[in-house]
Amino acid sequence: MTQEELDNLMDGSNELCDLDSKDDYVRGNVDDGYRVEADAHWPPPPPNEEHKVVHQLDDVTRDSEVKAIELMDRLELMDKYFSQSEFFLQEIESCNKKNIEIFNILKEKFPAVQTFKDRAEANEAMSEKFSEIFTRLQNGQNEIMVSMDAMQYQDIHRQKIERVINVMRALNKYLTSLFESKKDDSKRVSSAVYINGDDNDDVVTNDDIEALIANLGKK
């Protein structure tokens, strides 16, 4: 093989096609810029939307952020309901205290009337329930605060994923720039699936290369 023949081969000025040799794996497939046999395991077919890693991570972070905002809004609404309930309960408790005062006065003035005594006792028993309800409302508000704190950790995880995406994108741009070429891939010569030195009997020999160059010279 002369230097001129090698240069012509590397320049890919001639299309490698319609070879009569049974070793047509050197011709390959031109679809999508790949030149390998159709039954070869590598390279894989171009990825679809379900296989694009960064695309899926973007979906995860977007959906995660949307759900996180929705959940935070609901937690804030629950806290608002708890606060309103506590305010209304305070008004009811104040009214109940007035009832206790009135019925205590009435049962003292009219000791023979059992109803006044029963109502006074019932209102006093109810006042003990108010304390328990207040405690439960405050516990509910505390749980909401704990949940909001947990949501902050979820947001941190989302930011970590976004950082990974940024690193992957930066790496992709770097590798794309690193492997850039002024030569269009469609004009490149086909490459064999196996060559000498590979652990496979189906290789391209020096005789095959010489025959290929001779064939190119006839065109």
Protein backbone atom coordinates (compact mmCIF):
# COMPACT_ATOMS: atom_id res chain seq x y z
CA MET A 1 0.00 0.00 0.00
CA THR A 2 1.43 3.34 -1.07
CA GLN A 3 1.10 6.56 0.89
CA GLU A 4 -1.09 8.00 -1.85
CA GLU A 5 -3.41 5.00 -1.71
CA LEU A 6 -3.59 5.22 2.05
CA ASP A 7 -4.39 8.94 1.87
CA ASN A 8 -7.17 8.28 -0.63
CA LEU A 9 -8.55 5.59 1.64
CA MET A 10 -8.50 7.85 4.71
CA ASP A 11 -10.03 10.78 2.80
CA GLY A 12 -12.99 8.61 1.87
CA SER A 13 -13.24 10.23 -1.57
CA ASN A 14 -14.83 7.08 -2.97
CA GLU A 15 -17.96 5.43 -1.64
CA LEU A 16 -17.39 1.91 -0.38
CA CYS A 17 -20.33 0.11 -1.85
CA ASP A 18 -21.37 -2.74 -4.13
CA LEU A 19 -18.48 -4.93 -3.10
CA ASP A 20 -18.75 -8.43 -4.52
CA SER A 21 -16.69 -9.95 -1.76
CA LYS A 22 -18.45 -12.16 0.76
CA ASP A 23 -16.75 -10.08 3.46
CA ASP A 24 -19.24 -7.28 2.93
CA TYR A 25 -19.13 -6.39 6.64
CA VAL A 26 -16.50 -3.81 5.70
CA ARG A 27 -19.17 -1.98 3.76
CA GLY A 28 -21.45 -1.49 6.75
CA ASN A 29 -24.59 0.50 7.09
CA VAL A 30 -24.69 4.27 6.38
CA ASP A 31 -27.95 4.93 8.23
CA ASP A 32 -27.68 7.44 11.07
CA GLY A 33 -23.95 7.80 10.49
CA TYR A 34 -23.17 4.24 11.63
CA ARG A 35 -21.37 1.73 9.45
CA VAL A 36 -21.74 -1.67 11.02
CA GLU A 37 -23.71 -4.76 10.24
CA ALA A 38 -27.42 -4.68 10.92
CA ASP A 39 -27.14 -7.52 13.41
CA ALA A 40 -24.22 -5.98 15.28
CA HIS A 41 -24.78 -5.26 18.98
CA TRP A 42 -22.90 -1.97 18.86
CA PRO A 43 -23.57 0.86 18.41
CA PRO A 44 -27.12 0.70 19.75
CA PRO A 45 -29.94 2.43 17.87
CA PRO A 46 -30.48 6.13 18.53
CA PRO A 47 -32.25 6.61 21.89
CA ASN A 48 -35.89 7.58 21.99
CA GLU A 49 -37.50 9.92 24.50
CA GLU A 50 -37.81 7.13 27.08
CA HIS A 51 -34.07 6.42 27.02
CA LYS A 52 -32.67 9.94 27.16
CA VAL A 53 -31.15 10.24 30.63
CA VAL A 54 -31.05 14.03 30.99
CA HIS A 55 -34.53 14.29 29.50
CA GLN A 56 -35.87 11.90 32.15
CA LEU A 57 -34.01 13.70 34.95
CA ASP A 58 -35.49 17.00 33.77
CA ASP A 59 -38.95 15.42 33.96
CA VAL A 60 -38.21 14.15 37.47
CA THR A 61 -37.04 17.54 38.76
CA ARG A 62 -39.92 19.36 37.07
CA ASP A 63 -42.58 17.00 38.40
CA SER A 64 -40.91 16.94 41.81
CA GLU A 65 -40.92 20.73 42.03
CA VAL A 66 -44.56 20.94 40.92
CA LYS A 67 -45.67 18.36 43.50
CA ALA A 68 -43.53 19.94 46.21
CA ILE A 69 -45.13 23.35 45.62
CA GLU A 70 -48.57 21.75 45.62
CA LEU A 71 -47.86 19.93 48.88
CA MET A 72 -46.45 23.05 50.54
CA ASP A 73 -49.59 24.97 49.54
CA ARG A 74 -51.75 22.27 51.09
CA LEU A 75 -49.72 22.23 54.28
CA GLU A 76 -50.02 25.99 54.59
CA LEU A 77 -53.78 25.70 54.03
CA MET A 78 -54.01 23.06 56.75
CA ASP A 79 -52.07 25.31 59.13
CA LYS A 80 -54.51 28.10 58.32
CA TYR A 81 -57.46 25.84 59.14
CA PHE A 82 -55.85 24.86 62.44
CA SER A 83 -55.28 28.50 63.36
CA GLN A 84 -58.86 29.45 62.47
CA SER A 85 -60.21 26.49 64.44
CA GLU A 86 -58.16 27.53 67.45
CA PHE A 87 -59.51 31.08 67.19
CA PHE A 88 -63.14 29.87 66.97
CA LEU A 89 -62.55 27.49 69.86
CA GLN A 90 -61.31 30.34 72.01
CA GLU A 91 -64.57 32.20 71.37
CA ILE A 92 -66.61 29.12 72.28
CA GLU A 93 -64.55 28.60 75.42
CA SER A 94 -65.16 32.20 76.45
CA CYS A 95 -68.89 31.72 75.96
CA ASN A 96 -68.79 28.49 77.97
CA LYS A 97 -67.10 30.28 80.87
CA LYS A 98 -69.93 32.82 80.89
CA ASN A 99 -72.44 29.98 80.96
CA ILE A 100 -70.69 28.44 83.96
CA GLU A 101 -70.81 31.74 85.85
CA ILE A 102 -74.52 32.21 85.09
CA PHE A 103 -75.54 28.66 86.02
CA ASN A 104 -73.50 28.80 89.24
CA ILE A 105 -75.36 31.93 90.24
CA LEU A 106 -78.68 30.40 89.30
CA LYS A 107 -78.11 27.14 91.20
CA GLU A 108 -77.17 29.16 94.33
CA LYS A 109 -80.25 31.34 94.09
CA PHE A 110 -82.52 28.45 93.17
CA PRO A 111 -81.04 25.35 94.82
CA ALA A 112 -84.28 23.47 94.32
CA VAL A 113 -84.00 23.69 90.53
CA GLN A 114 -81.96 20.67 89.47
CA THR A 115 -81.61 21.90 85.87
CA PHE A 116 -79.41 24.83 86.91
CA LYS A 117 -77.13 22.51 88.82
CA ASP A 118 -76.94 20.02 85.89
CA ARG A 119 -76.18 22.75 83.35
CA ALA A 120 -73.43 24.18 85.55
CA GLU A 121 -71.81 20.76 85.89
CA ALA A 122 -72.15 20.05 82.13
CA ASN A 123 -70.45 23.31 81.19
CA GLU A 124 -67.66 22.70 83.67
CA ALA A 125 -67.08 19.25 82.16
CA MET A 126 -67.02 20.82 78.70
CA SER A 127 -64.33 23.29 79.77
CA GLU A 128 -62.00 20.34 80.39
CA LYS A 129 -62.52 19.21 76.78
CA PHE A 130 -61.46 22.59 75.46
CA SER A 131 -58.01 22.14 76.91
CA GLU A 132 -57.67 18.77 75.17
CA ILE A 133 -58.86 20.18 71.85
CA PHE A 134 -56.39 23.06 72.06
CA THR A 135 -53.58 20.56 72.69
CA ARG A 136 -54.58 18.49 69.65
CA LEU A 137 -54.74 21.55 67.42
CA GLN A 138 -51.30 22.67 68.54
CA ASN A 139 -49.93 19.16 67.94
CA GLY A 140 -51.39 19.27 64.44
CA GLN A 141 -49.66 22.60 63.76
CA ASN A 142 -46.40 21.17 65.05
CA GLU A 143 -46.71 18.21 62.66
CA ILE A 144 -47.26 20.62 59.81
CA MET A 145 -44.03 22.42 60.69
CA VAL A 146 -42.19 19.08 60.79
CA SER A 147 -43.62 18.21 57.37
CA MET A 148 -42.49 21.56 55.95
CA ASP A 149 -38.99 20.94 57.27
CA ALA A 150 -39.02 17.52 55.58
CA MET A 151 -40.05 19.17 52.32
CA GLN A 152 -36.91 21.28 52.50
CA TYR A 153 -34.83 18.10 52.37
CA GLN A 154 -36.80 17.03 49.30
CA ASP A 155 -35.96 20.35 47.69
CA ILE A 156 -32.28 19.78 48.48
CA HIS A 157 -32.46 16.40 46.71
CA ARG A 158 -34.04 18.11 43.70
CA GLN A 159 -31.21 20.63 43.63
CA LYS A 160 -28.68 17.77 43.77
CA ILE A 161 -30.31 16.17 40.73
CA GLU A 162 -30.22 19.51 38.92
CA ARG A 163 -26.52 19.79 39.75
CA VAL A 164 -25.94 16.32 38.30
CA ILE A 165 -27.82 17.39 35.16
CA ASN A 166 -25.66 20.49 34.83
CA VAL A 167 -22.48 18.41 35.21
CA MET A 168 -23.71 15.90 32.63
CA ARG A 169 -24.62 18.65 30.20
CA ALA A 170 -21.28 20.38 30.68
CA LEU A 171 -19.49 17.06 30.16
CA ASN A 172 -21.55 16.38 27.05
CA LYS A 173 -20.66 19.76 25.60
CA TYR A 174 -17.00 19.19 26.41
CA LEU A 175 -16.95 15.76 24.78
CA THR A 176 -18.86 17.04 21.76
CA SER A 177 -16.33 19.83 21.36
CA LEU A 178 -13.45 17.41 21.93
CA PHE A 179 -14.57 15.04 19.16
CA GLU A 180 -15.65 17.70 16.69
CA SER A 181 -14.42 17.35 13.13
CA LYS A 182 -14.61 19.50 10.04
CA LYS A 183 -15.27 16.36 8.02
CA ASP A 184 -18.81 15.12 7.59
CA ASP A 185 -19.35 11.58 8.88
CA SER A 186 -21.23 10.62 5.72
CA LYS A 187 -18.01 11.13 3.75
CA ARG A 188 -15.93 8.86 5.93
CA VAL A 189 -14.89 5.41 4.84
CA SER A 190 -16.59 2.41 6.39
CA SER A 191 -14.86 0.67 9.26
CA ALA A 192 -14.70 -3.07 9.76
CA VAL A 193 -16.45 -4.67 12.66
CA TYR A 194 -13.29 -6.69 13.47
CA ILE A 195 -9.63 -6.19 12.57
CA ASN A 196 -6.42 -8.09 13.14
CA GLY A 197 -5.68 -8.45 16.81
CA ASP A 198 -9.33 -8.82 17.82
CA ASP A 199 -10.43 -12.07 19.42
CA ASN A 200 -12.57 -13.00 16.44
CA ASP A 201 -11.93 -14.92 13.23
CA ASP A 202 -14.07 -12.55 11.16
CA VAL A 203 -11.38 -9.88 10.60
CA VAL A 204 -10.10 -7.68 7.81
CA THR A 205 -6.72 -8.88 6.57
CA ASN A 206 -4.03 -6.97 4.76
CA ASP A 207 -5.07 -8.78 1.56
CA ASP A 208 -8.63 -7.53 2.04
CA ILE A 209 -7.35 -3.95 2.37
CA GLU A 210 -5.17 -4.25 -0.73
CA ALA A 211 -8.11 -5.71 -2.67
CA LEU A 212 -10.30 -2.87 -1.47
CA ILE A 213 -7.81 -0.25 -2.62
CA ALA A 214 -7.45 -1.95 -5.98
CA ASN A 215 -11.21 -1.95 -6.36
CA LEU A 216 -11.37 1.73 -5.53
CA GLY A 217 -8.74 2.45 -8.13
CA LYS A 218 -10.89 0.93 -10.82
CA LYS A 219 -13.77 3.31 -10.18
